[in-house]
């Protein structure tokens, strides 16, 4: 398999971490959607990452679809989502909130730094959505006393939130006061200290228009 995209994207990074944890071999091509657009285009006309090229040549182009496929490559007892309800849909909701925060963080970055005229209405909307979702995640994480969000081992929820927080705080320094989110701050620090997070990592590189 070939994973296309840079690890400063939380979406690419969470796929890379999952593949590594699953011990599924892959080649990483750290192509930028801006600087390497023409390299990505033959695989993904939307020029989005992550893009996963399967061994048979098929291409998956959405992080949720990619991870669904990756989960299917391992036995049920190794999958990074809980297998039983209600824990399964609760974990999926945490992942959805984290992914939504990252989407808004990307939109906010483009609005602030790549547009000649910014929309203050859109900027404030993105900020409020990010802060609102973080508040929900903070409450959820504070209610879980264990090292991991759901159960005794790492899961997609743990990975998604940690990668989202790394991207958010690097792309928008000062936007969020992490001292007001102690459960999330502690969670992110614990995840980032894991060898797999250190191995699958890249500092944020601001795109240029």
C-alpha atoms as a PDB file:
ATOM      1  CA  UNK A   1       0.000   0.000   0.000  1.00  0.00           C
ATOM      2  CA  UNK A   2       1.005   3.601  -0.553  1.00  0.00           C
ATOM      3  CA  UNK A   3      -0.109   6.360   1.835  1.00  0.00           C
ATOM      4  CA  UNK A   4      -0.007   9.784   0.195  1.00  0.00           C
ATOM      5  CA  UNK A   5       0.075  12.962   2.262  1.00  0.00           C
ATOM      6  CA  UNK A   6       2.134  14.756   4.864  1.00  0.00           C
ATOM      7  CA  UNK A   7       1.920  13.849   8.539  1.00  0.00           C
ATOM      8  CA  UNK A   8       1.209  17.437   9.558  1.00  0.00           C
ATOM      9  CA  UNK A   9      -2.322  16.644   8.368  1.00  0.00           C
ATOM     10  CA  UNK A  10      -4.213  15.043  11.274  1.00  0.00           C
ATOM     11  CA  UNK A  11      -6.154  12.945   8.758  1.00  0.00           C
ATOM     12  CA  UNK A  12      -3.017  11.511   7.155  1.00  0.00           C
ATOM     13  CA  UNK A  13      -1.294  11.064  10.496  1.00  0.00           C
ATOM     14  CA  UNK A  14      -4.120   9.073  12.056  1.00  0.00           C
ATOM     15  CA  UNK A  15      -4.077   6.706   9.080  1.00  0.00           C
ATOM     16  CA  UNK A  16      -0.304   6.328   9.356  1.00  0.00           C
ATOM     17  CA  UNK A  17      -0.584   5.598  13.075  1.00  0.00           C
ATOM     18  CA  UNK A  18      -3.333   3.018  12.511  1.00  0.00           C
ATOM     19  CA  UNK A  19      -1.354   1.261   9.768  1.00  0.00           C
ATOM     20  CA  UNK A  20       1.693   1.185  12.034  1.00  0.00           C
ATOM     21  CA  UNK A  21      -0.235  -0.168  15.010  1.00  0.00           C
ATOM     22  CA  UNK A  22      -1.793  -2.823  12.798  1.00  0.00           C
ATOM     23  CA  UNK A  23       1.669  -3.712  11.467  1.00  0.00           C
ATOM     24  CA  UNK A  24       0.409  -3.350   7.905  1.00  0.00           C
ATOM     25  CA  UNK A  25       3.311  -2.510   5.594  1.00  0.00           C
ATOM     26  CA  UNK A  26       2.999   0.656   3.526  1.00  0.00           C
ATOM     27  CA  UNK A  27       5.081   3.150   1.618  1.00  0.00           C
ATOM     28  CA  UNK A  28       4.689   6.762   2.709  1.00  0.00           C
ATOM     29  CA  UNK A  29       4.839   9.473   0.072  1.00  0.00           C
ATOM     30  CA  UNK A  30       4.805  12.829   1.936  1.00  0.00           C
ATOM     31  CA  UNK A  31       3.372  14.849  -0.913  1.00  0.00           C
ATOM     32  CA  UNK A  32       1.841  18.266  -0.333  1.00  0.00           C
ATOM     33  CA  UNK A  33      -1.568  19.079  -1.812  1.00  0.00           C
ATOM     34  CA  UNK A  34      -0.097  22.429  -2.851  1.00  0.00           C
ATOM     35  CA  UNK A  35       3.494  21.811  -3.879  1.00  0.00           C
ATOM     36  CA  UNK A  36       2.969  18.271  -5.171  1.00  0.00           C
ATOM     37  CA  UNK A  37      -0.503  18.621  -6.663  1.00  0.00           C
ATOM     38  CA  UNK A  38       0.482  17.175 -10.026  1.00  0.00           C
ATOM     39  CA  UNK A  39       1.902  14.081  -8.351  1.00  0.00           C
ATOM     40  CA  UNK A  40      -1.333  13.526  -6.435  1.00  0.00           C
ATOM     41  CA  UNK A  41      -3.733  14.267  -9.305  1.00  0.00           C
ATOM     42  CA  UNK A  42      -3.388  10.874 -11.077  1.00  0.00           C
ATOM     43  CA  UNK A  43      -4.448   9.153  -7.860  1.00  0.00           C
ATOM     44  CA  UNK A  44      -6.983  11.651  -6.552  1.00  0.00           C
ATOM     45  CA  UNK A  45      -8.494  14.362  -8.782  1.00  0.00           C
ATOM     46  CA  UNK A  46      -9.779  16.156  -5.676  1.00  0.00           C
ATOM     47  CA  UNK A  47      -6.152  16.712  -4.620  1.00  0.00           C
ATOM     48  CA  UNK A  48      -6.947  15.743  -1.057  1.00  0.00           C
ATOM     49  CA  UNK A  49      -5.097  13.631   1.472  1.00  0.00           C
ATOM     50  CA  UNK A  50      -4.944  11.030   2.803  1.00  0.00           C
ATOM     51  CA  UNK A  51      -5.014   9.042  -0.399  1.00  0.00           C
ATOM     52  CA  UNK A  52      -4.352   5.327   0.004  1.00  0.00           C
ATOM     53  CA  UNK A  53      -3.277   3.275  -3.013  1.00  0.00           C
ATOM     54  CA  UNK A  54      -4.038  -0.391  -2.442  1.00  0.00           C
ATOM     55  CA  UNK A  55      -1.838  -3.238  -3.621  1.00  0.00           C
ATOM     56  CA  UNK A  56      -4.249  -4.004  -6.476  1.00  0.00           C
ATOM     57  CA  UNK A  57      -4.129  -0.397  -7.682  1.00  0.00           C
ATOM     58  CA  UNK A  58      -7.507   0.681  -6.291  1.00  0.00           C
ATOM     59  CA  UNK A  59      -7.476   4.072  -4.570  1.00  0.00           C
ATOM     60  CA  UNK A  60      -9.282   5.200  -1.413  1.00  0.00           C
ATOM     61  CA  UNK A  61      -9.614   8.957  -0.968  1.00  0.00           C
ATOM     62  CA  UNK A  62     -11.382   9.720   2.330  1.00  0.00           C
ATOM     63  CA  UNK A  63      -9.892   9.163   5.775  1.00  0.00           C
ATOM     64  CA  UNK A  64     -13.026   7.504   7.148  1.00  0.00           C
ATOM     65  CA  UNK A  65     -13.202   5.171   4.148  1.00  0.00           C
ATOM     66  CA  UNK A  66      -9.481   4.481   4.388  1.00  0.00           C
ATOM     67  CA  UNK A  67      -9.688   3.530   8.050  1.00  0.00           C
ATOM     68  CA  UNK A  68     -12.770   1.395   7.481  1.00  0.00           C
ATOM     69  CA  UNK A  69     -10.778  -0.553   4.893  1.00  0.00           C
ATOM     70  CA  UNK A  70      -7.727  -0.750   7.149  1.00  0.00           C
ATOM     71  CA  UNK A  71      -9.823  -2.030  10.050  1.00  0.00           C
ATOM     72  CA  UNK A  72     -11.082  -4.777   7.797  1.00  0.00           C
ATOM     73  CA  UNK A  73      -7.524  -6.004   7.245  1.00  0.00           C
ATOM     74  CA  UNK A  74      -7.164  -7.162  10.866  1.00  0.00           C
ATOM     75  CA  UNK A  75      -9.117  -9.473  13.152  1.00  0.00           C
ATOM     76  CA  UNK A  76     -12.021  -8.022  15.129  1.00  0.00           C
ATOM     77  CA  UNK A  77     -10.166  -8.280  18.433  1.00  0.00           C
ATOM     78  CA  UNK A  78      -7.381  -6.003  17.116  1.00  0.00           C
ATOM     79  CA  UNK A  79      -9.570  -3.277  15.652  1.00  0.00           C
ATOM     80  CA  UNK A  80      -9.249   0.219  17.037  1.00  0.00           C
ATOM     81  CA  UNK A  81     -12.980   0.760  17.495  1.00  0.00           C
ATOM     82  CA  UNK A  82     -14.864  -0.993  20.298  1.00  0.00           C
ATOM     83  CA  UNK A  83     -16.790  -3.962  18.940  1.00  0.00           C
ATOM     84  CA  UNK A  84     -19.735  -3.664  21.333  1.00  0.00           C
ATOM     85  CA  UNK A  85     -22.433  -1.016  21.663  1.00  0.00           C
ATOM     86  CA  UNK A  86     -22.863   1.583  23.059  1.00  0.00           C
ATOM     87  CA  UNK A  87     -19.094   2.035  23.263  1.00  0.00           C
ATOM     88  CA  UNK A  88     -18.708   1.675  19.510  1.00  0.00           C
ATOM     89  CA  UNK A  89     -20.976   4.548  18.507  1.00  0.00           C
ATOM     90  CA  UNK A  90     -19.674   6.676  21.372  1.00  0.00           C
ATOM     91  CA  UNK A  91     -16.121   6.235  20.097  1.00  0.00           C
ATOM     92  CA  UNK A  92     -17.263   7.004  16.561  1.00  0.00           C
ATOM     93  CA  UNK A  93     -18.845  10.214  17.798  1.00  0.00           C
ATOM     94  CA  UNK A  94     -15.585  11.284  19.450  1.00  0.00           C
ATOM     95  CA  UNK A  95     -13.782  10.655  16.162  1.00  0.00           C
ATOM     96  CA  UNK A  96     -16.427  12.630  14.263  1.00  0.00           C
ATOM     97  CA  UNK A  97     -16.024  15.599  16.608  1.00  0.00           C
ATOM     98  CA  UNK A  98     -12.242  15.480  16.284  1.00  0.00           C
ATOM     99  CA  UNK A  99     -12.443  15.283  12.492  1.00  0.00           C
ATOM    100  CA  UNK A 100     -14.898  18.185  12.481  1.00  0.00           C
ATOM    101  CA  UNK A 101     -12.518  20.301  14.536  1.00  0.00           C
ATOM    102  CA  UNK A 102      -9.724  19.560  12.066  1.00  0.00           C
ATOM    103  CA  UNK A 103     -11.966  20.457   9.129  1.00  0.00           C
ATOM    104  CA  UNK A 104     -12.774  23.774  10.745  1.00  0.00           C
ATOM    105  CA  UNK A 105      -9.131  24.393  11.638  1.00  0.00           C
ATOM    106  CA  UNK A 106      -8.165  23.955   7.984  1.00  0.00           C
ATOM    107  CA  UNK A 107     -11.000  26.231   6.827  1.00  0.00           C
ATOM    108  CA  UNK A 108     -10.009  28.841   9.379  1.00  0.00           C
ATOM    109  CA  UNK A 109      -6.382  28.740   8.297  1.00  0.00           C
ATOM    110  CA  UNK A 110      -7.334  29.280   4.654  1.00  0.00           C
ATOM    111  CA  UNK A 111      -9.622  32.144   5.597  1.00  0.00           C
ATOM    112  CA  UNK A 112      -7.011  33.859   7.765  1.00  0.00           C
ATOM    113  CA  UNK A 113      -3.908  33.400   5.662  1.00  0.00           C
ATOM    114  CA  UNK A 114      -4.783  32.527   2.063  1.00  0.00           C
ATOM    115  CA  UNK A 115      -7.648  34.901   1.290  1.00  0.00           C
ATOM    116  CA  UNK A 116      -7.012  38.518   0.434  1.00  0.00           C
ATOM    117  CA  UNK A 117     -10.215  39.559   2.194  1.00  0.00           C
ATOM    118  CA  UNK A 118     -11.318  37.588   5.206  1.00  0.00           C
ATOM    119  CA  UNK A 119     -14.881  37.111   6.353  1.00  0.00           C
ATOM    120  CA  UNK A 120     -15.014  37.925  10.060  1.00  0.00           C
ATOM    121  CA  UNK A 121     -18.379  36.159  10.230  1.00  0.00           C
ATOM    122  CA  UNK A 122     -16.831  32.949   8.893  1.00  0.00           C
ATOM    123  CA  UNK A 123     -13.767  33.305  11.122  1.00  0.00           C
ATOM    124  CA  UNK A 124     -15.917  33.652  14.219  1.00  0.00           C
ATOM    125  CA  UNK A 125     -18.146  30.775  13.165  1.00  0.00           C
ATOM    126  CA  UNK A 126     -15.163  28.448  12.742  1.00  0.00           C
ATOM    127  CA  UNK A 127     -13.712  29.523  16.082  1.00  0.00           C
ATOM    128  CA  UNK A 128     -16.970  28.990  17.930  1.00  0.00           C
ATOM    129  CA  UNK A 129     -17.449  25.563  16.364  1.00  0.00           C
ATOM    130  CA  UNK A 130     -13.941  24.512  17.327  1.00  0.00           C
ATOM    131  CA  UNK A 131     -14.282  25.756  20.895  1.00  0.00           C
ATOM    132  CA  UNK A 132     -17.732  24.212  21.286  1.00  0.00           C
ATOM    133  CA  UNK A 133     -16.589  20.797  20.086  1.00  0.00           C
ATOM    134  CA  UNK A 134     -13.508  20.920  22.324  1.00  0.00           C
ATOM    135  CA  UNK A 135     -15.723  21.594  25.336  1.00  0.00           C
ATOM    136  CA  UNK A 136     -17.754  18.470  24.584  1.00  0.00           C
ATOM    137  CA  UNK A 137     -14.604  16.378  24.160  1.00  0.00           C
ATOM    138  CA  UNK A 138     -13.127  17.769  27.384  1.00  0.00           C
ATOM    139  CA  UNK A 139     -16.182  16.653  29.346  1.00  0.00           C
ATOM    140  CA  UNK A 140     -16.134  13.239  27.683  1.00  0.00           C
ATOM    141  CA  UNK A 141     -12.433  12.670  28.372  1.00  0.00           C
ATOM    142  CA  UNK A 142     -12.693  13.885  31.957  1.00  0.00           C
ATOM    143  CA  UNK A 143     -15.342  11.223  32.551  1.00  0.00           C
ATOM    144  CA  UNK A 144     -12.899   8.468  31.531  1.00  0.00           C
ATOM    145  CA  UNK A 145     -10.304   7.805  34.252  1.00  0.00           C
ATOM    146  CA  UNK A 146      -8.256   5.288  32.252  1.00  0.00           C
ATOM    147  CA  UNK A 147      -5.267   6.033  30.033  1.00  0.00           C
ATOM    148  CA  UNK A 148      -7.414   5.431  26.963  1.00  0.00           C
ATOM    149  CA  UNK A 149     -10.832   6.765  26.071  1.00  0.00           C
ATOM    150  CA  UNK A 150     -12.643   3.438  25.653  1.00  0.00           C
ATOM    151  CA  UNK A 151     -11.136   0.405  27.308  1.00  0.00           C
ATOM    152  CA  UNK A 152      -7.613  -0.585  28.233  1.00  0.00           C
ATOM    153  CA  UNK A 153      -5.852  -0.087  24.906  1.00  0.00           C
ATOM    154  CA  UNK A 154      -5.463   2.660  22.354  1.00  0.00           C
ATOM    155  CA  UNK A 155      -8.285   3.225  19.881  1.00  0.00           C
ATOM    156  CA  UNK A 156      -9.315   5.464  17.003  1.00  0.00           C
ATOM    157  CA  UNK A 157     -10.833   7.991  19.417  1.00  0.00           C
ATOM    158  CA  UNK A 158      -7.517   8.419  21.238  1.00  0.00           C
ATOM    159  CA  UNK A 159      -5.615   8.805  17.973  1.00  0.00           C
ATOM    160  CA  UNK A 160      -8.085  11.187  16.325  1.00  0.00           C
ATOM    161  CA  UNK A 161      -8.266  13.600  19.244  1.00  0.00           C
ATOM    162  CA  UNK A 162      -4.506  13.684  19.827  1.00  0.00           C
ATOM    163  CA  UNK A 163      -3.682  14.265  16.159  1.00  0.00           C
ATOM    164  CA  UNK A 164      -6.369  16.931  15.947  1.00  0.00           C
ATOM    165  CA  UNK A 165      -4.997  18.777  18.978  1.00  0.00           C
ATOM    166  CA  UNK A 166      -1.442  18.693  17.621  1.00  0.00           C
ATOM    167  CA  UNK A 167      -2.586  20.159  14.301  1.00  0.00           C
ATOM    168  CA  UNK A 168      -4.874  22.732  15.908  1.00  0.00           C
ATOM    169  CA  UNK A 169      -2.302  24.096  18.339  1.00  0.00           C
ATOM    170  CA  UNK A 170       0.424  24.272  15.679  1.00  0.00           C
ATOM    171  CA  UNK A 171      -1.729  25.763  12.905  1.00  0.00           C
ATOM    172  CA  UNK A 172      -3.458  28.215  15.260  1.00  0.00           C
ATOM    173  CA  UNK A 173      -1.177  28.963  18.219  1.00  0.00           C
ATOM    174  CA  UNK A 174      -3.032  30.818  20.921  1.00  0.00           C
ATOM    175  CA  UNK A 175      -6.495  30.060  19.551  1.00  0.00           C
ATOM    176  CA  UNK A 176      -7.233  27.657  22.392  1.00  0.00           C
ATOM    177  CA  UNK A 177      -6.057  27.881  25.989  1.00  0.00           C
ATOM    178  CA  UNK A 178      -5.191  24.255  26.722  1.00  0.00           C
ATOM    179  CA  UNK A 179      -4.935  25.068  30.434  1.00  0.00           C
ATOM    180  CA  UNK A 180      -8.721  25.312  30.327  1.00  0.00           C
ATOM    181  CA  UNK A 181      -8.891  21.812  28.854  1.00  0.00           C
ATOM    182  CA  UNK A 182      -6.813  19.782  31.331  1.00  0.00           C
ATOM    183  CA  UNK A 183      -8.241  16.383  30.405  1.00  0.00           C
ATOM    184  CA  UNK A 184      -7.537  16.916  26.708  1.00  0.00           C
ATOM    185  CA  UNK A 185      -4.119  18.413  27.411  1.00  0.00           C
ATOM    186  CA  UNK A 186      -3.155  15.395  29.512  1.00  0.00           C
ATOM    187  CA  UNK A 187      -4.549  13.003  26.915  1.00  0.00           C
ATOM    188  CA  UNK A 188      -2.613  14.638  24.079  1.00  0.00           C
ATOM    189  CA  UNK A 189       0.647  14.624  26.058  1.00  0.00           C
ATOM    190  CA  UNK A 190       0.244  10.947  26.912  1.00  0.00           C
ATOM    191  CA  UNK A 191      -0.460   9.978  23.306  1.00  0.00           C
ATOM    192  CA  UNK A 192       2.352  12.102  21.849  1.00  0.00           C
ATOM    193  CA  UNK A 193       4.809  10.354  24.171  1.00  0.00           C
ATOM    194  CA  UNK A 194       4.016   6.962  22.630  1.00  0.00           C
ATOM    195  CA  UNK A 195       6.668   5.636  20.214  1.00  0.00           C
ATOM    196  CA  UNK A 196       4.164   5.326  17.357  1.00  0.00           C
ATOM    197  CA  UNK A 197       3.194   8.988  17.671  1.00  0.00           C
ATOM    198  CA  UNK A 198       6.832  10.018  17.711  1.00  0.00           C
ATOM    199  CA  UNK A 199       7.547   7.889  14.639  1.00  0.00           C
ATOM    200  CA  UNK A 200       4.526   9.077  12.650  1.00  0.00           C
ATOM    201  CA  UNK A 201       4.972  12.805  13.113  1.00  0.00           C
ATOM    202  CA  UNK A 202       5.719  16.067  11.346  1.00  0.00           C
ATOM    203  CA  UNK A 203       5.651  19.673  12.411  1.00  0.00           C
ATOM    204  CA  UNK A 204       2.980  21.797  10.748  1.00  0.00           C
ATOM    205  CA  UNK A 205       4.078  23.298   7.449  1.00  0.00           C
ATOM    206  CA  UNK A 206       1.882  26.268   6.440  1.00  0.00           C
ATOM    207  CA  UNK A 207       0.626  25.937   2.861  1.00  0.00           C
ATOM    208  CA  UNK A 208       1.172  28.750   0.415  1.00  0.00           C
ATOM    209  CA  UNK A 209      -1.439  29.810  -2.099  1.00  0.00           C
END
